[in-house]
Amino acid sequence: METLAQLAHGFSIALTPINLLFAAVGVTLGTAIGVLPGLGPALTIALLLPLTFQVPATAAFILFAGIYYGAMYGGSTTSILLNTPGESATIVTALEGNKMAKRGRAGAALATSAIGSFVAGTIGTIGLTFIAGPVVDFALKFGPAEYFSLMVLSLLTVSAVLGHSALRGITALALGIFMGLIGIDLQTGQGRFTFGVTELLDGINVIVVAVGLFAVGETLWLASRRLQHDDVLKVSDSLMMSKADWKRSWKPWFRGAFLGFPIGALPAGGAEIPTFLSYAIEKKLTKHPEEFGHGAIEGVAGPEAANNASAAGVLVPMLALGLPTSATAAIMLSAFQSYGINPGPQLMQSQPELIWGLIASLYIGNVMLLALNLPLVGLWVKILKIPTPLLYGGILVFATIGTYGISRSVVDLALLYAVGILGYFMRRFDFPTSPVIIGMIIGPLLEQEFRRAMTISAGDPMIFLQKPLSLALLLIALAAVVLPPLINRLRRYDGVPTH
């Protein structure tokens, strides 16, 4: 009952005219930018984040939530119409969705995606409402040693999941940790890795790196590939789903939702794993296996539901534990820090209006998105016809102005484009960029918890092994690193001939 009372108070905050306006602006901007080829929620928030520092915290995070959910909705449009996933979590949607579009069923694909996203997003938000509290209670049992081990586990598993190669993921993660440690050491007062540049004593702003990697780097990458717009498909005026479509979609919606939220809520979760699992499950359960690979509607409904449910799930470890498990969550965490708010077990007690207003806005945003996406698909398709030079040039101008507005520092602009060029080469050589942001956020926190644990134990590192929960988390982290290559090596010697 207490949770329902707090949620009702959250709705009283979210339903104020100014917060409704921010929610509407957020979902509209998120959807509009989400439908652009190659762009996703992380880039959207990274682009808009520098312009919102003068906005009150509650309104700002309602805006961010709208952008987050809106971009997740919009990414499916790009995947279905252009076979160009807005982010890694929408890759699966493109597998069947684009085939449906080529068969003249783009309307049904977009409709099942929008409705499935609404259903799953609502289920995920309900989960966030009632699961976040117990997670906080569990988190209160964590000490410095347990937090350190949990962060090690999250860093290693997330870096492996976000890239095709664990080595590349860990390399990107190490780069992020290095960048996060630049500046003054709070304990010794000494500058670290500043290379004599005075402006670096305050550290590198994570927003500059996020905009550089996701805006400048992605723009350079897309421009170098010279995306063609010849594949844009005309969407029929009717977006109605047939009775057969509804019958084949509703079960995948719920299966995807109940698969996506718990995996997204794990400290080492995310959206990629549940979408692929959902696709595999629907492929096994379908009564129309011959359609898979040629435009099966279940292959759109299930993964899209898993994707949007996991979006709500990702907010659980970020809000309750202060652990971002995706690039979007990492950028939102940096926004909390810019307001002087530290997500963690005490957040719901210290900032109840902010948190419950944010959760309530997710329900409202889902309704807004459903009303926005179903009738306005034709408008988003027209946005895709913006000339390529104008599209890429506009992103670069927006990124430059926003970054300069943070500190009005030329050094930040130089860092922006240096990181952007680095992001281009990371994409070129298949290095994931998300672990860089996650490393920048968690790296300093990891160091802080390590120092606290060592202070408590008088310098005895065995504290990490003497605490049962800490030891279990470290063993899981070790297994996540050691077991996959070991299993692959054993397979080479199992007598099966290789080709």
Protein backbone atom coordinates (compact mmCIF):
# COMPACT_ATOMS: atom_id res chain seq x y z
CA MET A 1 0.00 0.00 0.00
CA GLU A 2 2.89 2.34 0.75
CA THR A 3 4.23 1.83 -2.77
CA LEU A 4 0.82 2.66 -4.28
CA ALA A 5 0.61 5.81 -2.16
CA GLN A 6 4.07 6.89 -3.30
CA LEU A 7 3.17 6.14 -6.92
CA ALA A 8 0.00 8.24 -6.56
CA HIS A 9 2.16 11.09 -5.25
CA GLY A 10 4.45 10.56 -8.23
CA PHE A 11 1.51 10.96 -10.60
CA SER A 12 0.55 14.20 -8.86
CA ILE A 13 4.05 15.45 -9.70
CA ALA A 14 4.22 14.04 -13.25
CA LEU A 15 0.75 15.34 -14.18
CA THR A 16 1.58 18.99 -13.53
CA PRO A 17 1.39 21.02 -16.76
CA ILE A 18 5.12 21.77 -16.93
CA ASN A 19 6.12 18.13 -16.36
CA LEU A 20 3.55 16.91 -18.88
CA LEU A 21 5.08 19.34 -21.36
CA PHE A 22 8.57 17.98 -20.70
CA ALA A 23 7.29 14.41 -21.08
CA ALA A 24 5.63 15.26 -24.40
CA VAL A 25 8.74 17.04 -25.67
CA GLY A 26 10.91 14.13 -24.55
CA VAL A 27 8.91 11.38 -26.26
CA THR A 28 8.56 13.46 -29.43
CA LEU A 29 12.25 14.32 -29.68
CA GLY A 30 13.26 10.80 -28.70
CA THR A 31 11.08 9.26 -31.38
CA ALA A 32 12.10 11.79 -34.02
CA ILE A 33 15.83 11.22 -33.50
CA GLY A 34 15.36 7.52 -32.81
CA VAL A 35 14.03 6.93 -36.33
CA LEU A 36 17.14 8.42 -37.94
CA PRO A 37 19.49 5.78 -39.37
CA GLY A 38 22.16 4.58 -36.97
CA LEU A 39 21.05 6.77 -34.08
CA GLY A 40 19.70 5.49 -30.77
CA PRO A 41 18.72 6.57 -27.24
CA ALA A 42 22.29 6.95 -25.99
CA LEU A 43 23.12 9.39 -28.76
CA THR A 44 19.81 11.21 -28.33
CA ILE A 45 20.33 11.85 -24.63
CA ALA A 46 24.01 12.65 -25.16
CA LEU A 47 23.08 15.30 -27.72
CA LEU A 48 20.37 16.91 -25.62
CA LEU A 49 21.98 16.55 -22.20
CA PRO A 50 24.27 19.61 -22.38
CA LEU A 51 21.27 21.87 -23.04
CA THR A 52 19.31 20.89 -19.93
CA PHE A 53 21.55 21.99 -17.07
CA GLN A 54 19.29 24.95 -16.28
CA VAL A 55 16.19 22.73 -16.02
CA PRO A 56 14.99 21.59 -12.55
CA ALA A 57 16.07 18.03 -11.77
CA THR A 58 12.59 16.43 -11.73
CA ALA A 59 11.57 18.03 -15.03
CA ALA A 60 14.94 17.17 -16.58
CA PHE A 61 14.70 13.48 -15.74
CA ILE A 62 11.11 13.31 -16.94
CA LEU A 63 12.48 14.73 -20.20
CA PHE A 64 15.28 12.13 -20.22
CA ALA A 65 12.82 9.31 -19.55
CA GLY A 66 10.68 10.47 -22.45
CA ILE A 67 13.73 10.64 -24.70
CA TYR A 68 14.86 7.19 -23.54
CA TYR A 69 11.51 5.49 -24.19
CA GLY A 70 10.85 7.52 -27.33
CA ALA A 71 14.16 6.59 -28.92
CA MET A 72 13.58 2.93 -28.11
CA TYR A 73 10.25 3.17 -29.96
CA GLY A 74 11.75 5.09 -32.86
CA GLY A 75 14.66 2.71 -33.36
CA SER A 76 12.29 -0.01 -34.52
CA THR A 77 11.03 2.23 -37.33
CA THR A 78 14.53 2.52 -38.77
CA SER A 79 15.08 -1.22 -38.49
CA ILE A 80 11.80 -2.08 -40.20
CA LEU A 81 11.87 0.48 -43.00
CA LEU A 82 15.58 0.76 -43.78
CA ASN A 83 17.06 -2.43 -42.32
CA THR A 84 19.31 -0.06 -40.38
CA PRO A 85 19.11 -0.74 -36.63
CA GLY A 86 19.22 2.41 -34.52
CA GLU A 87 21.19 0.47 -31.89
CA SER A 88 22.33 -3.05 -31.10
CA ALA A 89 19.09 -3.95 -29.31
CA THR A 90 17.05 -3.41 -32.49
CA ILE A 91 19.20 -5.64 -34.70
CA VAL A 92 16.78 -8.53 -34.19
CA THR A 93 13.81 -6.38 -35.17
CA ALA A 94 15.41 -5.77 -38.55
CA LEU A 95 15.70 -9.51 -39.25
CA GLU A 96 11.96 -10.03 -39.71
CA GLY A 97 10.63 -6.46 -39.75
CA ASN A 98 12.43 -5.42 -42.91
CA LYS A 99 11.33 -8.62 -44.63
CA MET A 100 7.75 -7.79 -43.71
CA ALA A 101 8.21 -4.28 -45.15
CA LYS A 102 9.55 -5.69 -48.41
CA ARG A 103 6.48 -7.91 -48.56
CA GLY A 104 4.27 -4.82 -48.31
CA ARG A 105 3.46 -5.37 -44.62
CA ALA A 106 5.37 -2.45 -43.15
CA GLY A 107 2.17 -1.16 -41.52
CA ALA A 108 1.56 -4.39 -39.61
CA ALA A 109 5.22 -4.59 -38.57
CA LEU A 110 5.23 -1.00 -37.29
CA ALA A 111 1.90 -1.51 -35.51
CA THR A 112 2.92 -4.68 -33.70
CA SER A 113 6.17 -2.97 -32.75
CA ALA A 114 4.39 0.10 -31.33
CA ILE A 115 1.67 -1.82 -29.48
CA GLY A 116 4.14 -4.42 -28.22
CA SER A 117 6.43 -1.66 -26.99
CA PHE A 118 3.50 -0.09 -25.12
CA VAL A 119 2.46 -3.39 -23.50
CA ALA A 120 6.00 -4.38 -22.55
CA GLY A 121 6.99 -0.87 -21.47
CA THR A 122 3.99 -0.76 -19.14
CA ILE A 123 4.79 -4.20 -17.70
CA GLY A 124 8.42 -3.19 -17.24
CA THR A 125 7.42 0.04 -15.50
CA ILE A 126 5.14 -1.92 -13.16
CA GLY A 127 8.14 -4.11 -12.39
CA LEU A 128 10.27 -1.03 -11.74
CA THR A 129 7.58 0.30 -9.40
CA PHE A 130 7.45 -2.78 -7.19
CA ILE A 131 10.92 -4.33 -7.64
CA ALA A 132 13.08 -1.26 -7.08
CA GLY A 133 12.17 -1.17 -3.37
CA PRO A 134 13.24 -4.75 -2.59
CA VAL A 135 16.41 -4.21 -4.61
CA VAL A 136 17.18 -1.19 -2.42
CA ASP A 137 16.62 -3.24 0.73
CA PHE A 138 19.01 -5.86 -0.58
CA ALA A 139 21.53 -3.20 -1.59
CA LEU A 140 21.62 -1.85 1.97
CA LYS A 141 23.36 -5.09 2.96
CA PHE A 142 26.27 -4.26 0.65
CA GLY A 143 29.48 -2.91 2.13
CA PRO A 144 32.52 -1.49 0.30
CA ALA A 145 33.93 -4.97 -0.41
CA GLU A 146 30.63 -6.21 -1.87
CA TYR A 147 30.21 -3.09 -3.98
CA PHE A 148 33.73 -3.43 -5.32
CA SER A 149 33.14 -7.05 -6.31
CA LEU A 150 29.76 -6.22 -7.84
CA MET A 151 31.34 -3.46 -9.93
CA VAL A 152 34.09 -5.82 -11.09
CA LEU A 153 31.44 -8.33 -12.16
CA SER A 154 29.40 -5.70 -13.97
CA LEU A 155 32.40 -4.20 -15.73
CA LEU A 156 33.64 -7.53 -17.04
CA THR A 157 30.30 -8.97 -18.09
CA VAL A 158 28.94 -5.78 -19.67
CA SER A 159 32.14 -5.20 -21.64
CA ALA A 160 31.93 -8.76 -22.97
CA VAL A 161 28.22 -8.54 -23.84
CA LEU A 162 28.44 -5.18 -25.61
CA GLY A 163 31.04 -6.31 -28.12
CA HIS A 164 31.66 -9.24 -30.43
CA SER A 165 35.01 -9.81 -28.74
CA ALA A 166 35.62 -9.92 -24.99
CA LEU A 167 39.16 -8.63 -25.53
CA ARG A 168 37.90 -5.63 -27.50
CA GLY A 169 35.24 -4.96 -24.88
CA ILE A 170 37.74 -5.06 -22.02
CA THR A 171 40.13 -2.82 -23.99
CA ALA A 172 37.37 -0.23 -24.47
CA LEU A 173 36.49 -0.56 -20.80
CA ALA A 174 40.11 0.03 -19.74
CA LEU A 175 40.19 3.14 -21.92
CA GLY A 176 37.09 4.44 -20.18
CA ILE A 177 38.51 3.76 -16.71
CA PHE A 178 41.71 5.59 -17.68
CA MET A 179 39.74 8.60 -18.87
CA GLY A 180 37.63 8.55 -15.71
CA LEU A 181 40.74 8.70 -13.50
CA ILE A 182 42.13 11.81 -15.19
CA GLY A 183 42.18 14.79 -12.82
CA ILE A 184 42.92 15.43 -9.17
CA ASP A 185 43.09 12.44 -6.83
CA LEU A 186 40.66 13.34 -4.06
CA GLN A 187 42.72 11.57 -1.40
CA THR A 188 46.20 12.84 -2.22
CA GLY A 189 45.34 16.07 -4.01
CA GLN A 190 47.77 15.20 -6.80
CA GLY A 191 46.95 15.58 -10.48
CA ARG A 192 46.80 12.34 -12.47
CA PHE A 193 47.31 11.90 -16.21
CA THR A 194 46.79 15.61 -16.94
CA PHE A 195 49.97 15.91 -19.09
CA GLY A 196 50.42 19.49 -17.94
CA VAL A 197 47.01 20.65 -19.23
CA THR A 198 45.46 22.79 -16.49
CA GLU A 199 41.91 22.28 -17.78
CA LEU A 200 42.23 18.52 -17.19
CA LEU A 201 42.72 18.95 -13.43
CA ASP A 202 38.93 18.92 -13.04
CA GLY A 203 38.76 15.72 -15.04
CA ILE A 204 37.14 14.98 -18.38
CA ASN A 205 33.42 15.58 -18.49
CA VAL A 206 31.71 12.31 -19.35
CA ILE A 207 29.20 14.23 -21.46
CA VAL A 208 31.99 15.43 -23.76
CA VAL A 209 33.13 11.84 -24.25
CA ALA A 210 29.57 10.58 -24.75
CA VAL A 211 28.79 13.21 -27.37
CA GLY A 212 32.15 12.60 -29.04
CA LEU A 213 31.68 8.83 -29.26
CA PHE A 214 27.99 8.68 -30.08
CA ALA A 215 27.44 11.89 -32.05
CA VAL A 216 30.71 12.85 -33.74
CA GLY A 217 32.11 9.31 -34.03
CA GLU A 218 28.86 7.81 -35.24
CA THR A 219 28.34 10.64 -37.72
CA LEU A 220 31.82 10.19 -39.17
CA TRP A 221 31.23 6.46 -39.40
CA LEU A 222 27.87 6.78 -41.13
CA ALA A 223 29.14 9.47 -43.48
CA SER A 224 32.10 7.29 -44.46
CA ARG A 225 29.72 4.48 -45.37
CA ARG A 226 27.59 6.84 -47.50
CA LEU A 227 24.22 5.45 -46.46
CA GLN A 228 21.83 5.15 -49.37
CA HIS A 229 18.23 6.29 -49.06
CA ASP A 230 17.00 4.33 -52.03
CA ASP A 231 15.64 1.61 -49.74
CA VAL A 232 13.12 3.85 -48.02
CA LEU A 233 9.77 2.13 -48.36
CA LYS A 234 6.39 3.78 -48.66
CA VAL A 235 4.16 2.93 -45.74
CA SER A 236 0.49 2.41 -46.46
CA ASP A 237 -2.01 4.78 -44.84
CA SER A 238 -3.59 1.88 -42.95
CA LEU A 239 -1.70 0.60 -39.94
CA MET A 240 -4.39 -1.82 -38.89
CA MET A 241 -3.36 -5.30 -37.86
CA SER A 242 -5.50 -8.21 -39.01
CA LYS A 243 -7.12 -10.61 -36.55
CA ALA A 244 -4.45 -13.16 -37.42
CA ASP A 245 -1.74 -10.61 -36.64
CA TRP A 246 -3.25 -9.89 -33.24
CA LYS A 247 -3.55 -13.60 -32.51
CA ARG A 248 0.09 -14.21 -33.43
CA SER A 249 1.41 -11.13 -31.62
CA TRP A 250 -0.12 -10.97 -28.16
CA LYS A 251 1.67 -13.98 -26.70
CA PRO A 252 5.11 -12.84 -27.97
CA TRP A 253 4.42 -9.40 -26.45
CA PHE A 254 3.97 -10.87 -22.98
CA ARG A 255 6.75 -13.45 -23.34
CA GLY A 256 9.14 -10.74 -24.48
CA ALA A 257 8.11 -8.44 -21.63
CA PHE A 258 8.57 -11.07 -18.92
CA LEU A 259 11.91 -12.04 -20.45
CA GLY A 260 13.25 -8.52 -21.01
CA PHE A 261 12.53 -6.92 -17.65
CA PRO A 262 14.30 -9.35 -15.29
CA ILE A 263 17.37 -9.60 -17.54
CA GLY A 264 17.48 -5.82 -17.91
CA ALA A 265 17.20 -5.45 -14.12
CA LEU A 266 20.31 -7.55 -13.48
CA PRO A 267 23.48 -5.56 -12.71
CA ALA A 268 25.02 -7.30 -15.72
CA GLY A 269 21.87 -7.14 -17.84
CA GLY A 270 21.03 -5.04 -20.85
CA ALA A 271 18.74 -5.15 -23.88
CA GLU A 272 20.78 -7.20 -26.35
CA ILE A 273 20.55 -10.61 -24.64
CA PRO A 274 16.74 -10.66 -24.07
CA THR A 275 16.01 -9.57 -27.66
CA PHE A 276 18.06 -12.41 -29.11
CA LEU A 277 16.60 -14.87 -26.61
CA SER A 278 13.08 -13.72 -27.45
CA TYR A 279 13.69 -14.22 -31.15
CA ALA A 280 15.05 -17.73 -30.52
CA ILE A 281 12.07 -18.62 -28.31
CA GLU A 282 9.51 -17.32 -30.80
CA LYS A 283 11.21 -19.21 -33.60
CA LYS A 284 10.84 -22.45 -31.62
CA LEU A 285 7.26 -21.83 -30.48
CA THR A 286 5.79 -20.49 -33.71
CA LYS A 287 3.19 -22.41 -35.68
CA HIS A 288 4.53 -20.80 -38.85
CA PRO A 289 8.24 -21.74 -38.91
CA GLU A 290 8.35 -21.37 -42.69
CA GLU A 291 7.84 -17.60 -42.34
CA PHE A 292 10.90 -17.02 -40.18
CA GLY A 293 13.57 -15.46 -42.30
CA HIS A 294 10.89 -14.18 -44.69
CA GLY A 295 8.93 -11.82 -42.42
CA ALA A 296 7.33 -13.55 -39.42
CA ILE A 297 5.38 -11.11 -37.27
CA GLU A 298 6.34 -13.00 -34.09
CA GLY A 299 9.97 -12.17 -34.86
CA VAL A 300 9.08 -8.48 -34.57
CA ALA A 301 6.59 -8.60 -31.68
CA GLY A 302 8.70 -10.62 -29.23
CA PRO A 303 12.08 -8.87 -29.57
CA GLU A 304 10.52 -5.40 -29.57
CA ALA A 305 8.64 -6.24 -26.37
CA ALA A 306 11.83 -7.60 -24.78
CA ASN A 307 13.71 -4.49 -25.87
CA ASN A 308 11.29 -2.04 -24.27
CA ALA A 309 10.75 -4.07 -21.11
CA SER A 310 14.50 -4.24 -20.59
CA ALA A 311 14.63 -0.45 -20.91
CA ALA A 312 12.62 -0.21 -17.68
CA GLY A 313 14.68 -3.01 -16.16
CA VAL A 314 17.95 -1.19 -16.82
CA LEU A 315 16.73 1.65 -14.59
CA VAL A 316 16.56 -0.68 -11.56
CA PRO A 317 20.32 -1.19 -11.01
CA MET A 318 20.99 2.41 -12.03
CA LEU A 319 18.57 3.91 -9.49
CA ALA A 320 18.87 1.33 -6.71
CA LEU A 321 22.56 0.44 -6.95
CA GLY A 322 24.10 3.31 -8.91
CA LEU A 323 25.30 0.83 -11.54
CA PRO A 324 24.70 1.66 -15.23
CA THR A 325 24.46 -1.44 -17.40
CA SER A 326 24.07 0.34 -20.73
CA ALA A 327 25.44 3.44 -22.39
CA THR A 328 22.09 5.19 -21.99
CA ALA A 329 21.98 4.42 -18.27
CA ALA A 330 25.58 5.60 -17.93
CA ILE A 331 24.75 8.94 -19.54
CA MET A 332 21.66 9.31 -17.32
CA LEU A 333 23.84 8.51 -14.30
CA SER A 334 26.22 11.28 -15.31
CA ALA A 335 23.21 13.60 -15.43
CA PHE A 336 22.31 12.64 -11.85
CA GLN A 337 25.86 13.44 -10.82
CA SER A 338 25.75 16.80 -12.58
CA TYR A 339 22.80 17.68 -10.33
CA GLY A 340 24.75 16.55 -7.26
CA ILE A 341 22.55 13.45 -6.86
CA ASN A 342 24.15 10.06 -6.31
CA PRO A 343 21.92 7.12 -7.26
CA GLY A 344 22.09 4.25 -4.80
CA PRO A 345 20.26 2.62 -1.90
CA GLN A 346 19.44 5.95 -0.21
CA LEU A 347 18.08 7.62 -3.36
CA MET A 348 14.41 6.79 -2.78
CA GLN A 349 14.61 8.19 0.75
CA SER A 350 16.62 11.28 -0.17
CA GLN A 351 14.85 12.15 -3.46
CA PRO A 352 11.34 10.59 -3.29
CA GLU A 353 9.65 13.26 -5.39
CA LEU A 354 12.24 12.93 -8.15
CA ILE A 355 12.16 9.13 -8.27
CA TRP A 356 8.41 8.61 -8.02
CA GLY A 357 7.75 11.48 -10.40
CA LEU A 358 10.16 9.81 -12.83
CA ILE A 359 8.48 6.40 -12.47
CA ALA A 360 5.01 7.92 -12.92
CA SER A 361 6.21 9.76 -16.02
CA LEU A 362 7.17 6.42 -17.57
CA TYR A 363 3.52 5.31 -17.48
CA ILE A 364 2.44 8.62 -18.98
CA GLY A 365 5.20 8.53 -21.60
CA ASN A 366 4.11 5.06 -22.74
CA VAL A 367 0.59 6.30 -23.41
CA MET A 368 1.93 9.36 -25.23
CA LEU A 369 4.20 7.20 -27.36
CA LEU A 370 1.40 4.87 -28.42
CA ALA A 371 -0.73 7.86 -29.44
CA LEU A 372 2.24 9.42 -31.23
CA ASN A 373 3.67 6.43 -33.07
CA LEU A 374 0.62 4.80 -34.59
CA PRO A 375 -0.74 7.78 -36.58
CA LEU A 376 2.55 9.58 -37.32
CA VAL A 377 4.65 6.86 -38.92
CA GLY A 378 4.36 8.60 -42.28
CA LEU A 379 5.93 11.73 -40.77
CA TRP A 380 8.93 9.79 -39.44
CA VAL A 381 9.46 8.26 -42.87
CA LYS A 382 9.59 11.76 -44.38
CA ILE A 383 12.24 12.74 -41.83
CA LEU A 384 14.37 9.92 -43.20
CA LYS A 385 14.42 11.73 -46.54
CA ILE A 386 16.47 14.63 -45.17
CA PRO A 387 19.52 15.02 -47.46
CA THR A 388 22.51 13.20 -46.01
CA PRO A 389 24.88 16.22 -45.87
CA LEU A 390 22.28 18.27 -43.98
CA LEU A 391 21.62 15.42 -41.58
CA TYR A 392 25.26 14.80 -40.68
CA GLY A 393 26.17 18.49 -40.69
CA GLY A 394 23.29 19.32 -38.36
CA ILE A 395 24.35 16.65 -35.87
CA LEU A 396 27.93 18.00 -35.80
CA VAL A 397 26.77 21.60 -35.32
CA PHE A 398 24.38 20.58 -32.55
CA ALA A 399 27.12 18.53 -30.81
CA THR A 400 29.62 21.40 -31.04
CA ILE A 401 27.26 24.06 -29.67
CA GLY A 402 26.03 21.81 -26.86
CA THR A 403 29.53 20.80 -25.77
CA TYR A 404 30.88 24.36 -25.83
CA GLY A 405 27.92 25.41 -23.71
CA ILE A 406 28.95 23.10 -20.86
CA SER A 407 32.13 24.94 -19.83
CA ARG A 408 32.87 27.28 -22.75
CA SER A 409 36.26 25.65 -23.02
CA VAL A 410 38.20 25.25 -26.26
CA VAL A 411 39.91 22.25 -24.66
CA ASP A 412 36.52 20.54 -24.39
CA LEU A 413 35.92 21.15 -28.11
CA ALA A 414 39.33 19.67 -28.93
CA LEU A 415 38.51 16.67 -26.74
CA LEU A 416 35.10 16.34 -28.41
CA TYR A 417 36.55 15.89 -31.88
CA ALA A 418 39.56 13.87 -30.69
CA VAL A 419 37.17 11.44 -28.99
CA GLY A 420 34.94 11.55 -32.09
CA ILE A 421 37.83 10.49 -34.32
CA LEU A 422 38.67 7.79 -31.78
CA GLY A 423 35.03 6.67 -31.88
CA TYR A 424 35.19 6.44 -35.66
CA PHE A 425 38.22 4.14 -35.54
CA MET A 426 36.60 2.08 -32.77
CA ARG A 427 33.64 1.48 -35.05
CA ARG A 428 35.97 0.86 -37.99
CA PHE A 429 37.81 -1.91 -36.12
CA ASP A 430 34.74 -3.26 -34.31
CA PHE A 431 35.53 -2.00 -30.81
CA PRO A 432 32.36 -1.35 -28.76
CA THR A 433 32.00 2.25 -27.59
CA SER A 434 29.54 1.73 -24.73
CA PRO A 435 32.14 0.22 -22.32
CA VAL A 436 34.13 3.46 -22.58
CA ILE A 437 31.26 5.43 -21.01
CA ILE A 438 30.55 2.71 -18.46
CA GLY A 439 34.26 2.62 -17.51
CA MET A 440 34.34 6.40 -17.08
CA ILE A 441 31.39 6.27 -14.69
CA ILE A 442 32.19 3.13 -12.70
CA GLY A 443 36.01 3.36 -12.72
CA PRO A 444 36.29 6.18 -10.15
CA LEU A 445 33.54 4.57 -8.04
CA LEU A 446 35.41 1.26 -8.19
CA GLU A 447 38.58 2.94 -6.95
CA GLN A 448 36.65 4.68 -4.17
CA GLU A 449 35.05 1.46 -2.88
CA PHE A 450 38.39 -0.35 -3.10
CA ARG A 451 40.06 2.30 -0.96
CA ARG A 452 37.21 2.21 1.56
CA ALA A 453 37.41 -1.55 1.85
CA MET A 454 41.19 -1.45 2.30
CA THR A 455 40.81 1.24 4.98
CA ILE A 456 38.27 -0.87 6.88
CA SER A 457 40.53 -3.95 6.70
CA ALA A 458 43.70 -2.00 7.60
CA GLY A 459 45.20 -2.80 4.23
CA ASP A 460 44.35 -6.51 4.16
CA PRO A 461 43.13 -7.46 0.64
CA MET A 462 41.67 -10.70 2.02
CA ILE A 463 38.56 -8.72 2.96
CA PHE A 464 37.29 -9.28 -0.58
CA LEU A 465 37.51 -13.05 -0.09
CA GLN A 466 36.39 -13.20 3.54
CA LYS A 467 32.99 -11.66 2.79
CA PRO A 468 30.80 -14.48 1.38
CA LEU A 469 28.83 -12.27 -1.03
CA SER A 470 31.98 -10.51 -2.23
CA LEU A 471 33.72 -13.84 -2.81
CA ALA A 472 30.72 -15.22 -4.75
CA LEU A 473 30.62 -12.15 -7.00
CA LEU A 474 34.35 -12.33 -7.71
CA LEU A 475 34.10 -16.04 -8.55
CA ILE A 476 31.25 -15.32 -10.99
CA ALA A 477 33.34 -12.56 -12.57
CA LEU A 478 36.29 -14.92 -12.89
CA ALA A 479 34.09 -17.58 -14.45
CA ALA A 480 32.69 -15.04 -16.93
CA VAL A 481 36.21 -14.32 -18.15
CA VAL A 482 37.79 -17.79 -17.97
CA LEU A 483 35.03 -20.21 -18.94
CA PRO A 484 34.12 -19.05 -22.49
CA PRO A 485 37.67 -19.40 -23.94
CA LEU A 486 38.19 -22.60 -21.94
CA ILE A 487 35.02 -24.15 -23.35
CA ASN A 488 36.03 -23.14 -26.87
CA ARG A 489 39.45 -24.71 -26.39
CA LEU A 490 37.96 -27.95 -25.09
CA ARG A 491 35.69 -28.13 -28.12
CA ARG A 492 38.74 -28.09 -30.36
CA TYR A 493 40.00 -31.27 -28.74
CA ASP A 494 36.73 -33.19 -28.45
CA GLY A 495 37.44 -35.19 -31.58
CA VAL A 496 35.15 -33.21 -33.84
CA PRO A 497 37.02 -32.33 -37.04
CA THR A 498 37.36 -28.61 -37.78
CA HIS A 499 37.08 -27.09 -41.22
